């Protein structure tokens, strides 16, 4: 019991640190091309805590009102962090003076993007939860393991087909010749593609680590699928051949890295006695 509490405390401290990574990225010179991968790494690490928050909003035993409160406070907190990124860069590198209205507009835009990101992830987790018999995250000090071979039903195959169709539709819409503006349609569809890739990976990671099954084999299987999902996201996002290398680096740091961190987080939860169990069982 004491070991489980210690693990969860360290996990909470680590998650808090990850949420502050954008502020660390703000200390990097904005015009330094050599430091761009480092900035992407820091931003990629900061993506994992919202993924964990979305998971908790769907699977935790708390009431709907508490989950909604956690969702709202989380969206506000992450929006403030990303707005703080611009604020830190402004004061550290003496950028041009930005009016208060611009800061407010920046916060509103970040809040909308964060809420969309969390809502999209919650949608993936909800689909996974109810397709598996209304799963719920529960903790038991002595959990009886019922490892069984991995099998896929027709319902799950239909879900995979549906997700692939939605992804192809988004990829086609992304290549539409959108007009350049502050709220660019291509920019928002690009955000939806990122949410899609991370949502699929997060759903697979929770299935592999917190369900009944062979965790090691499932985790390896998920890492391979996450790589394929990342390559699909990269292929959908590349508009010019000369940007392929940059997109591959971006994808590995903004999709694969947070997925790997989330997989490790779920393994810590599993070691602490948490499992996804069906209410109908």
C-alpha atoms as a PDB file:
ATOM      1  CA  UNK A   1       0.000   0.000   0.000  1.00  0.00           C
ATOM      2  CA  UNK A   2       2.776   2.445   0.924  1.00  0.00           C
ATOM      3  CA  UNK A   3       4.619   1.667  -2.306  1.00  0.00           C
ATOM      4  CA  UNK A   4       1.473   2.406  -4.316  1.00  0.00           C
ATOM      5  CA  UNK A   5       0.973   5.759  -2.583  1.00  0.00           C
ATOM      6  CA  UNK A   6       4.607   6.684  -3.176  1.00  0.00           C
ATOM      7  CA  UNK A   7       4.316   5.788  -6.848  1.00  0.00           C
ATOM      8  CA  UNK A   8       1.212   7.930  -7.255  1.00  0.00           C
ATOM      9  CA  UNK A   9       2.868  10.882  -5.513  1.00  0.00           C
ATOM     10  CA  UNK A  10       5.891  10.680  -7.798  1.00  0.00           C
ATOM     11  CA  UNK A  11       3.550  10.318 -10.759  1.00  0.00           C
ATOM     12  CA  UNK A  12       1.650  13.456  -9.759  1.00  0.00           C
ATOM     13  CA  UNK A  13       4.910  15.389  -9.361  1.00  0.00           C
ATOM     14  CA  UNK A  14       6.115  14.192 -12.762  1.00  0.00           C
ATOM     15  CA  UNK A  15       2.819  15.157 -14.427  1.00  0.00           C
ATOM     16  CA  UNK A  16       2.991  18.625 -12.872  1.00  0.00           C
ATOM     17  CA  UNK A  17       6.499  19.050 -14.218  1.00  0.00           C
ATOM     18  CA  UNK A  18       5.455  17.952 -17.698  1.00  0.00           C
ATOM     19  CA  UNK A  19       2.701  20.572 -17.817  1.00  0.00           C
ATOM     20  CA  UNK A  20       5.355  23.287 -17.352  1.00  0.00           C
ATOM     21  CA  UNK A  21       7.483  22.198 -20.321  1.00  0.00           C
ATOM     22  CA  UNK A  22       6.099  24.957 -22.631  1.00  0.00           C
ATOM     23  CA  UNK A  23       7.458  27.568 -20.216  1.00  0.00           C
ATOM     24  CA  UNK A  24      10.876  25.924 -20.499  1.00  0.00           C
ATOM     25  CA  UNK A  25      10.526  25.969 -24.290  1.00  0.00           C
ATOM     26  CA  UNK A  26       9.851  29.718 -24.087  1.00  0.00           C
ATOM     27  CA  UNK A  27      13.430  30.225 -22.868  1.00  0.00           C
ATOM     28  CA  UNK A  28      14.824  28.936 -26.181  1.00  0.00           C
ATOM     29  CA  UNK A  29      15.760  31.569 -28.816  1.00  0.00           C
ATOM     30  CA  UNK A  30      12.750  31.801 -31.176  1.00  0.00           C
ATOM     31  CA  UNK A  31      14.821  32.141 -34.381  1.00  0.00           C
ATOM     32  CA  UNK A  32      17.251  29.279 -33.720  1.00  0.00           C
ATOM     33  CA  UNK A  33      16.577  26.480 -36.232  1.00  0.00           C
ATOM     34  CA  UNK A  34      18.959  24.101 -34.467  1.00  0.00           C
ATOM     35  CA  UNK A  35      16.853  24.244 -31.273  1.00  0.00           C
ATOM     36  CA  UNK A  36      13.516  23.577 -32.982  1.00  0.00           C
ATOM     37  CA  UNK A  37      13.657  19.789 -32.267  1.00  0.00           C
ATOM     38  CA  UNK A  38      14.323  20.558 -28.586  1.00  0.00           C
ATOM     39  CA  UNK A  39      11.306  22.875 -28.498  1.00  0.00           C
ATOM     40  CA  UNK A  40       9.178  20.177 -30.137  1.00  0.00           C
ATOM     41  CA  UNK A  41      10.428  17.685 -27.546  1.00  0.00           C
ATOM     42  CA  UNK A  42       9.358  19.949 -24.682  1.00  0.00           C
ATOM     43  CA  UNK A  43       5.961  20.574 -26.262  1.00  0.00           C
ATOM     44  CA  UNK A  44       5.571  16.855 -26.967  1.00  0.00           C
ATOM     45  CA  UNK A  45       6.168  16.055 -23.301  1.00  0.00           C
ATOM     46  CA  UNK A  46       3.540  18.625 -22.301  1.00  0.00           C
ATOM     47  CA  UNK A  47       0.907  16.870 -24.447  1.00  0.00           C
ATOM     48  CA  UNK A  48       0.805  13.777 -22.230  1.00  0.00           C
ATOM     49  CA  UNK A  49      -0.829  15.359 -19.095  1.00  0.00           C
ATOM     50  CA  UNK A  50      -3.944  16.497 -21.053  1.00  0.00           C
ATOM     51  CA  UNK A  51      -4.203  12.968 -22.467  1.00  0.00           C
ATOM     52  CA  UNK A  52      -4.156  11.603 -18.911  1.00  0.00           C
ATOM     53  CA  UNK A  53      -6.732  14.194 -17.818  1.00  0.00           C
ATOM     54  CA  UNK A  54      -9.091  13.131 -20.630  1.00  0.00           C
ATOM     55  CA  UNK A  55      -8.624   9.515 -19.580  1.00  0.00           C
ATOM     56  CA  UNK A  56      -9.548  10.382 -15.977  1.00  0.00           C
ATOM     57  CA  UNK A  57     -12.597  12.391 -17.070  1.00  0.00           C
ATOM     58  CA  UNK A  58     -13.976   9.297 -18.804  1.00  0.00           C
ATOM     59  CA  UNK A  59     -12.943   6.355 -16.646  1.00  0.00           C
ATOM     60  CA  UNK A  60     -12.702   7.712 -13.077  1.00  0.00           C
ATOM     61  CA  UNK A  61     -15.426   6.844 -10.572  1.00  0.00           C
ATOM     62  CA  UNK A  62     -16.159  10.504  -9.738  1.00  0.00           C
ATOM     63  CA  UNK A  63     -19.520  12.120 -10.445  1.00  0.00           C
ATOM     64  CA  UNK A  64     -20.246  13.845 -13.755  1.00  0.00           C
ATOM     65  CA  UNK A  65     -20.151  17.279 -12.108  1.00  0.00           C
ATOM     66  CA  UNK A  66     -16.665  16.663 -10.692  1.00  0.00           C
ATOM     67  CA  UNK A  67     -15.459  15.381 -14.055  1.00  0.00           C
ATOM     68  CA  UNK A  68     -16.864  18.461 -15.796  1.00  0.00           C
ATOM     69  CA  UNK A  69     -15.142  20.683 -13.227  1.00  0.00           C
ATOM     70  CA  UNK A  70     -11.845  18.864 -13.766  1.00  0.00           C
ATOM     71  CA  UNK A  71     -12.265  19.215 -17.548  1.00  0.00           C
ATOM     72  CA  UNK A  72     -12.956  22.965 -17.280  1.00  0.00           C
ATOM     73  CA  UNK A  73     -10.150  23.708 -14.814  1.00  0.00           C
ATOM     74  CA  UNK A  74      -7.747  21.617 -16.871  1.00  0.00           C
ATOM     75  CA  UNK A  75      -8.625  23.480 -20.068  1.00  0.00           C
ATOM     76  CA  UNK A  76      -8.129  26.835 -18.313  1.00  0.00           C
ATOM     77  CA  UNK A  77      -4.835  25.722 -16.739  1.00  0.00           C
ATOM     78  CA  UNK A  78      -3.324  24.430 -19.982  1.00  0.00           C
ATOM     79  CA  UNK A  79      -4.531  27.541 -21.831  1.00  0.00           C
ATOM     80  CA  UNK A  80      -2.781  29.748 -19.279  1.00  0.00           C
ATOM     81  CA  UNK A  81       0.404  27.701 -19.684  1.00  0.00           C
ATOM     82  CA  UNK A  82       0.429  28.123 -23.469  1.00  0.00           C
ATOM     83  CA  UNK A  83      -0.443  31.814 -23.176  1.00  0.00           C
ATOM     84  CA  UNK A  84       2.382  32.086 -20.643  1.00  0.00           C
ATOM     85  CA  UNK A  85       4.713  30.702 -23.318  1.00  0.00           C
ATOM     86  CA  UNK A  86       4.216  33.836 -25.376  1.00  0.00           C
ATOM     87  CA  UNK A  87       4.434  36.041 -22.301  1.00  0.00           C
ATOM     88  CA  UNK A  88       7.766  34.542 -21.200  1.00  0.00           C
ATOM     89  CA  UNK A  89       9.202  34.889 -24.703  1.00  0.00           C
ATOM     90  CA  UNK A  90       8.061  38.512 -24.781  1.00  0.00           C
ATOM     91  CA  UNK A  91       9.907  39.419 -21.580  1.00  0.00           C
ATOM     92  CA  UNK A  92      13.000  37.243 -22.115  1.00  0.00           C
ATOM     93  CA  UNK A  93      13.711  38.232 -25.720  1.00  0.00           C
ATOM     94  CA  UNK A  94      12.219  41.744 -25.612  1.00  0.00           C
ATOM     95  CA  UNK A  95       9.740  41.175 -28.372  1.00  0.00           C
ATOM     96  CA  UNK A  96       7.363  43.878 -29.643  1.00  0.00           C
ATOM     97  CA  UNK A  97       4.822  45.216 -27.190  1.00  0.00           C
ATOM     98  CA  UNK A  98       1.585  43.223 -27.365  1.00  0.00           C
ATOM     99  CA  UNK A  99      -1.705  44.845 -26.413  1.00  0.00           C
ATOM    100  CA  UNK A 100      -3.852  43.380 -23.626  1.00  0.00           C
ATOM    101  CA  UNK A 101      -6.570  42.601 -26.182  1.00  0.00           C
ATOM    102  CA  UNK A 102      -4.071  40.423 -28.067  1.00  0.00           C
ATOM    103  CA  UNK A 103      -3.254  38.503 -24.886  1.00  0.00           C
ATOM    104  CA  UNK A 104      -6.959  37.967 -24.281  1.00  0.00           C
ATOM    105  CA  UNK A 105      -7.453  36.802 -27.882  1.00  0.00           C
ATOM    106  CA  UNK A 106      -4.481  34.456 -27.501  1.00  0.00           C
ATOM    107  CA  UNK A 107      -5.954  32.965 -24.323  1.00  0.00           C
ATOM    108  CA  UNK A 108      -9.373  32.503 -25.945  1.00  0.00           C
ATOM    109  CA  UNK A 109      -7.794  30.771 -28.956  1.00  0.00           C
ATOM    110  CA  UNK A 110      -5.672  28.501 -26.731  1.00  0.00           C
ATOM    111  CA  UNK A 111      -8.721  27.705 -24.596  1.00  0.00           C
ATOM    112  CA  UNK A 112     -10.752  26.763 -27.668  1.00  0.00           C
ATOM    113  CA  UNK A 113      -7.942  24.551 -28.976  1.00  0.00           C
ATOM    114  CA  UNK A 114      -7.380  22.938 -25.577  1.00  0.00           C
ATOM    115  CA  UNK A 115     -11.089  22.288 -25.057  1.00  0.00           C
ATOM    116  CA  UNK A 116     -11.288  20.787 -28.565  1.00  0.00           C
ATOM    117  CA  UNK A 117      -8.225  18.657 -27.841  1.00  0.00           C
ATOM    118  CA  UNK A 118      -9.609  17.348 -24.534  1.00  0.00           C
ATOM    119  CA  UNK A 119     -13.104  16.811 -25.971  1.00  0.00           C
ATOM    120  CA  UNK A 120     -11.671  14.857 -28.903  1.00  0.00           C
ATOM    121  CA  UNK A 121      -9.625  12.616 -26.610  1.00  0.00           C
ATOM    122  CA  UNK A 122     -12.643  12.103 -24.344  1.00  0.00           C
ATOM    123  CA  UNK A 123     -14.613  11.066 -27.417  1.00  0.00           C
ATOM    124  CA  UNK A 124     -12.080   8.349 -28.243  1.00  0.00           C
ATOM    125  CA  UNK A 125     -12.027   7.121 -24.648  1.00  0.00           C
ATOM    126  CA  UNK A 126     -15.836   7.103 -24.484  1.00  0.00           C
ATOM    127  CA  UNK A 127     -16.015   5.051 -27.673  1.00  0.00           C
ATOM    128  CA  UNK A 128     -13.529   2.610 -26.184  1.00  0.00           C
ATOM    129  CA  UNK A 129     -15.306   2.519 -22.827  1.00  0.00           C
ATOM    130  CA  UNK A 130     -18.754   1.631 -24.112  1.00  0.00           C
ATOM    131  CA  UNK A 131     -17.508  -0.688 -26.862  1.00  0.00           C
ATOM    132  CA  UNK A 132     -15.868  -2.792 -24.140  1.00  0.00           C
ATOM    133  CA  UNK A 133     -18.852  -3.066 -21.789  1.00  0.00           C
ATOM    134  CA  UNK A 134     -18.886   0.250 -19.904  1.00  0.00           C
ATOM    135  CA  UNK A 135     -15.369   0.097 -18.470  1.00  0.00           C
ATOM    136  CA  UNK A 136     -14.401   1.900 -15.276  1.00  0.00           C
ATOM    137  CA  UNK A 137     -11.062   2.538 -13.587  1.00  0.00           C
ATOM    138  CA  UNK A 138     -10.972   0.730 -10.263  1.00  0.00           C
ATOM    139  CA  UNK A 139      -8.258   0.043  -7.735  1.00  0.00           C
ATOM    140  CA  UNK A 140      -7.829  -3.167  -5.811  1.00  0.00           C
ATOM    141  CA  UNK A 141      -4.905  -4.117  -3.573  1.00  0.00           C
ATOM    142  CA  UNK A 142      -5.220  -7.744  -4.633  1.00  0.00           C
ATOM    143  CA  UNK A 143      -6.278  -7.846  -8.246  1.00  0.00           C
ATOM    144  CA  UNK A 144      -6.816 -11.215  -9.787  1.00  0.00           C
ATOM    145  CA  UNK A 145      -5.141 -11.338 -13.190  1.00  0.00           C
ATOM    146  CA  UNK A 146      -7.083 -13.088 -15.936  1.00  0.00           C
ATOM    147  CA  UNK A 147      -4.667 -12.942 -18.839  1.00  0.00           C
ATOM    148  CA  UNK A 148      -6.166 -14.189 -22.052  1.00  0.00           C
ATOM    149  CA  UNK A 149      -5.225 -14.184 -25.728  1.00  0.00           C
ATOM    150  CA  UNK A 150      -6.015 -11.021 -27.638  1.00  0.00           C
ATOM    151  CA  UNK A 151      -9.062 -11.340 -29.886  1.00  0.00           C
ATOM    152  CA  UNK A 152     -10.931  -8.800 -31.993  1.00  0.00           C
ATOM    153  CA  UNK A 153     -14.688  -8.764 -32.552  1.00  0.00           C
ATOM    154  CA  UNK A 154     -16.652  -7.630 -35.611  1.00  0.00           C
ATOM    155  CA  UNK A 155     -17.692  -4.532 -33.651  1.00  0.00           C
ATOM    156  CA  UNK A 156     -14.053  -3.586 -33.109  1.00  0.00           C
ATOM    157  CA  UNK A 157     -13.237  -4.166 -36.780  1.00  0.00           C
ATOM    158  CA  UNK A 158     -16.171  -1.918 -37.714  1.00  0.00           C
ATOM    159  CA  UNK A 159     -14.804   0.747 -35.349  1.00  0.00           C
ATOM    160  CA  UNK A 160     -11.387   0.532 -36.999  1.00  0.00           C
ATOM    161  CA  UNK A 161     -12.984   0.946 -40.435  1.00  0.00           C
ATOM    162  CA  UNK A 162     -14.987   3.948 -39.220  1.00  0.00           C
ATOM    163  CA  UNK A 163     -11.900   5.613 -37.733  1.00  0.00           C
ATOM    164  CA  UNK A 164      -9.955   5.049 -40.942  1.00  0.00           C
ATOM    165  CA  UNK A 165     -12.769   6.660 -42.962  1.00  0.00           C
ATOM    166  CA  UNK A 166     -12.873   9.725 -40.694  1.00  0.00           C
ATOM    167  CA  UNK A 167      -9.097  10.064 -40.888  1.00  0.00           C
ATOM    168  CA  UNK A 168      -9.129   9.943 -44.696  1.00  0.00           C
ATOM    169  CA  UNK A 169     -11.863  12.601 -44.778  1.00  0.00           C
ATOM    170  CA  UNK A 170      -9.817  14.890 -42.514  1.00  0.00           C
ATOM    171  CA  UNK A 171      -6.682  14.298 -44.585  1.00  0.00           C
ATOM    172  CA  UNK A 172      -8.546  15.246 -47.766  1.00  0.00           C
ATOM    173  CA  UNK A 173      -9.996  18.365 -46.131  1.00  0.00           C
ATOM    174  CA  UNK A 174      -6.505  19.358 -44.925  1.00  0.00           C
ATOM    175  CA  UNK A 175      -5.286  19.462 -48.539  1.00  0.00           C
ATOM    176  CA  UNK A 176      -8.111  21.775 -49.611  1.00  0.00           C
ATOM    177  CA  UNK A 177      -6.697  25.206 -50.695  1.00  0.00           C
ATOM    178  CA  UNK A 178      -7.756  27.144 -47.605  1.00  0.00           C
ATOM    179  CA  UNK A 179      -7.290  30.904 -47.458  1.00  0.00           C
ATOM    180  CA  UNK A 180      -4.610  32.149 -45.051  1.00  0.00           C
ATOM    181  CA  UNK A 181      -6.054  33.891 -41.993  1.00  0.00           C
ATOM    182  CA  UNK A 182      -5.707  34.026 -38.214  1.00  0.00           C
ATOM    183  CA  UNK A 183      -8.271  31.241 -37.783  1.00  0.00           C
ATOM    184  CA  UNK A 184      -7.164  29.178 -40.787  1.00  0.00           C
ATOM    185  CA  UNK A 185      -9.332  26.202 -41.672  1.00  0.00           C
ATOM    186  CA  UNK A 186      -6.245  24.134 -42.514  1.00  0.00           C
ATOM    187  CA  UNK A 187      -4.740  24.975 -39.131  1.00  0.00           C
ATOM    188  CA  UNK A 188      -7.824  23.733 -37.277  1.00  0.00           C
ATOM    189  CA  UNK A 189      -8.087  20.586 -39.404  1.00  0.00           C
ATOM    190  CA  UNK A 190      -4.401  19.975 -38.697  1.00  0.00           C
ATOM    191  CA  UNK A 191      -5.239  20.163 -34.993  1.00  0.00           C
ATOM    192  CA  UNK A 192      -8.042  17.634 -35.542  1.00  0.00           C
ATOM    193  CA  UNK A 193      -5.612  15.290 -37.305  1.00  0.00           C
ATOM    194  CA  UNK A 194      -3.238  15.552 -34.333  1.00  0.00           C
ATOM    195  CA  UNK A 195      -6.101  14.870 -31.915  1.00  0.00           C
ATOM    196  CA  UNK A 196      -7.105  11.894 -34.042  1.00  0.00           C
ATOM    197  CA  UNK A 197      -3.606  10.380 -34.022  1.00  0.00           C
ATOM    198  CA  UNK A 198      -3.125  10.933 -30.288  1.00  0.00           C
ATOM    199  CA  UNK A 199      -6.648   9.727 -29.497  1.00  0.00           C
ATOM    200  CA  UNK A 200      -6.127   6.425 -31.301  1.00  0.00           C
ATOM    201  CA  UNK A 201      -2.759   5.924 -29.605  1.00  0.00           C
ATOM    202  CA  UNK A 202      -4.149   6.801 -26.155  1.00  0.00           C
ATOM    203  CA  UNK A 203      -7.050   4.397 -26.601  1.00  0.00           C
ATOM    204  CA  UNK A 204      -4.659   1.612 -27.599  1.00  0.00           C
ATOM    205  CA  UNK A 205      -2.304   2.391 -24.702  1.00  0.00           C
ATOM    206  CA  UNK A 206      -5.101   2.100 -22.119  1.00  0.00           C
ATOM    207  CA  UNK A 207      -6.266  -1.173 -23.696  1.00  0.00           C
ATOM    208  CA  UNK A 208      -2.750  -2.625 -23.593  1.00  0.00           C
ATOM    209  CA  UNK A 209      -1.778  -1.696 -20.044  1.00  0.00           C
ATOM    210  CA  UNK A 210      -4.920  -1.549 -17.922  1.00  0.00           C
ATOM    211  CA  UNK A 211      -6.987  -4.405 -19.324  1.00  0.00           C
ATOM    212  CA  UNK A 212      -6.817  -8.136 -18.745  1.00  0.00           C
ATOM    213  CA  UNK A 213      -4.284  -9.607 -21.122  1.00  0.00           C
ATOM    214  CA  UNK A 214      -0.609 -10.146 -21.774  1.00  0.00           C
ATOM    215  CA  UNK A 215       0.686  -6.654 -21.041  1.00  0.00           C
ATOM    216  CA  UNK A 216       4.158  -7.055 -22.535  1.00  0.00           C
ATOM    217  CA  UNK A 217       2.903  -8.415 -25.840  1.00  0.00           C
ATOM    218  CA  UNK A 218       0.089  -5.871 -26.020  1.00  0.00           C
ATOM    219  CA  UNK A 219       2.473  -2.978 -25.261  1.00  0.00           C
ATOM    220  CA  UNK A 220       4.837  -4.028 -28.068  1.00  0.00           C
ATOM    221  CA  UNK A 221       1.850  -4.358 -30.386  1.00  0.00           C
ATOM    222  CA  UNK A 222       0.638  -0.868 -29.434  1.00  0.00           C
ATOM    223  CA  UNK A 223       4.064   0.701 -29.986  1.00  0.00           C
ATOM    224  CA  UNK A 224       4.124  -0.727 -33.515  1.00  0.00           C
ATOM    225  CA  UNK A 225       0.580   0.504 -34.211  1.00  0.00           C
ATOM    226  CA  UNK A 226       1.442   3.919 -32.742  1.00  0.00           C
ATOM    227  CA  UNK A 227       4.336   4.143 -35.192  1.00  0.00           C
ATOM    228  CA  UNK A 228       1.991   3.340 -38.087  1.00  0.00           C
ATOM    229  CA  UNK A 229      -0.551   5.910 -36.876  1.00  0.00           C
ATOM    230  CA  UNK A 230       2.228   8.486 -36.653  1.00  0.00           C
ATOM    231  CA  UNK A 231       3.371   7.716 -40.203  1.00  0.00           C
ATOM    232  CA  UNK A 232      -0.223   8.055 -41.416  1.00  0.00           C
ATOM    233  CA  UNK A 233      -0.496  11.444 -39.666  1.00  0.00           C
ATOM    234  CA  UNK A 234       2.801  12.518 -41.229  1.00  0.00           C
ATOM    235  CA  UNK A 235       1.694  11.427 -44.706  1.00  0.00           C
ATOM    236  CA  UNK A 236      -1.591  13.328 -44.327  1.00  0.00           C
ATOM    237  CA  UNK A 237       0.185  16.513 -43.165  1.00  0.00           C
ATOM    238  CA  UNK A 238       2.943  16.729 -45.785  1.00  0.00           C
ATOM    239  CA  UNK A 239       2.029  19.131 -48.583  1.00  0.00           C
ATOM    240  CA  UNK A 240       5.492  19.545 -50.139  1.00  0.00           C
ATOM    241  CA  UNK A 241       8.140  16.798 -50.568  1.00  0.00           C
ATOM    242  CA  UNK A 242      10.904  19.037 -49.176  1.00  0.00           C
ATOM    243  CA  UNK A 243       9.177  19.154 -45.771  1.00  0.00           C
ATOM    244  CA  UNK A 244       9.035  15.363 -45.282  1.00  0.00           C
ATOM    245  CA  UNK A 245      12.100  15.249 -43.020  1.00  0.00           C
ATOM    246  CA  UNK A 246      10.782  18.031 -40.773  1.00  0.00           C
ATOM    247  CA  UNK A 247       7.363  16.359 -40.521  1.00  0.00           C
ATOM    248  CA  UNK A 248       8.956  13.028 -39.595  1.00  0.00           C
ATOM    249  CA  UNK A 249      10.865  14.691 -36.746  1.00  0.00           C
ATOM    250  CA  UNK A 250       7.770  16.625 -35.692  1.00  0.00           C
ATOM    251  CA  UNK A 251       5.632  13.466 -35.704  1.00  0.00           C
ATOM    252  CA  UNK A 252       8.120  11.440 -33.675  1.00  0.00           C
ATOM    253  CA  UNK A 253       8.280  14.164 -31.004  1.00  0.00           C
ATOM    254  CA  UNK A 254       4.633  15.310 -30.962  1.00  0.00           C
ATOM    255  CA  UNK A 255       2.853  11.965 -31.472  1.00  0.00           C
ATOM    256  CA  UNK A 256       5.157   9.067 -30.639  1.00  0.00           C
ATOM    257  CA  UNK A 257       6.882  10.659 -27.618  1.00  0.00           C
ATOM    258  CA  UNK A 258       3.691  11.556 -25.656  1.00  0.00           C
ATOM    259  CA  UNK A 259       2.265   8.131 -26.521  1.00  0.00           C
ATOM    260  CA  UNK A 260       5.324   6.409 -25.048  1.00  0.00           C
ATOM    261  CA  UNK A 261       5.145   8.584 -21.917  1.00  0.00           C
ATOM    262  CA  UNK A 262       1.426   7.833 -21.528  1.00  0.00           C
ATOM    263  CA  UNK A 263       2.125   4.120 -21.888  1.00  0.00           C
ATOM    264  CA  UNK A 264       4.643   4.396 -19.040  1.00  0.00           C
ATOM    265  CA  UNK A 265       2.130   6.341 -16.937  1.00  0.00           C
ATOM    266  CA  UNK A 266      -0.494   3.632 -17.389  1.00  0.00           C
ATOM    267  CA  UNK A 267       2.058   0.986 -16.398  1.00  0.00           C
ATOM    268  CA  UNK A 268       2.654   2.913 -13.159  1.00  0.00           C
ATOM    269  CA  UNK A 269      -1.111   2.960 -12.544  1.00  0.00           C
ATOM    270  CA  UNK A 270      -1.244  -0.777 -13.208  1.00  0.00           C
ATOM    271  CA  UNK A 271       1.606  -1.384 -10.756  1.00  0.00           C
ATOM    272  CA  UNK A 272      -0.411   0.613  -8.203  1.00  0.00           C
ATOM    273  CA  UNK A 273      -3.355  -1.760  -8.562  1.00  0.00           C
ATOM    274  CA  UNK A 274      -5.546   0.094 -11.071  1.00  0.00           C
ATOM    275  CA  UNK A 275      -7.424  -1.788 -13.781  1.00  0.00           C
ATOM    276  CA  UNK A 276     -10.156  -1.097 -16.311  1.00  0.00           C
ATOM    277  CA  UNK A 277     -13.026  -3.380 -15.342  1.00  0.00           C
ATOM    278  CA  UNK A 278     -16.454  -3.768 -16.877  1.00  0.00           C
ATOM    279  CA  UNK A 279     -19.497  -2.849 -14.797  1.00  0.00           C
ATOM    280  CA  UNK A 280     -21.412  -5.639 -16.416  1.00  0.00           C
ATOM    281  CA  UNK A 281     -18.894  -8.244 -15.220  1.00  0.00           C
END
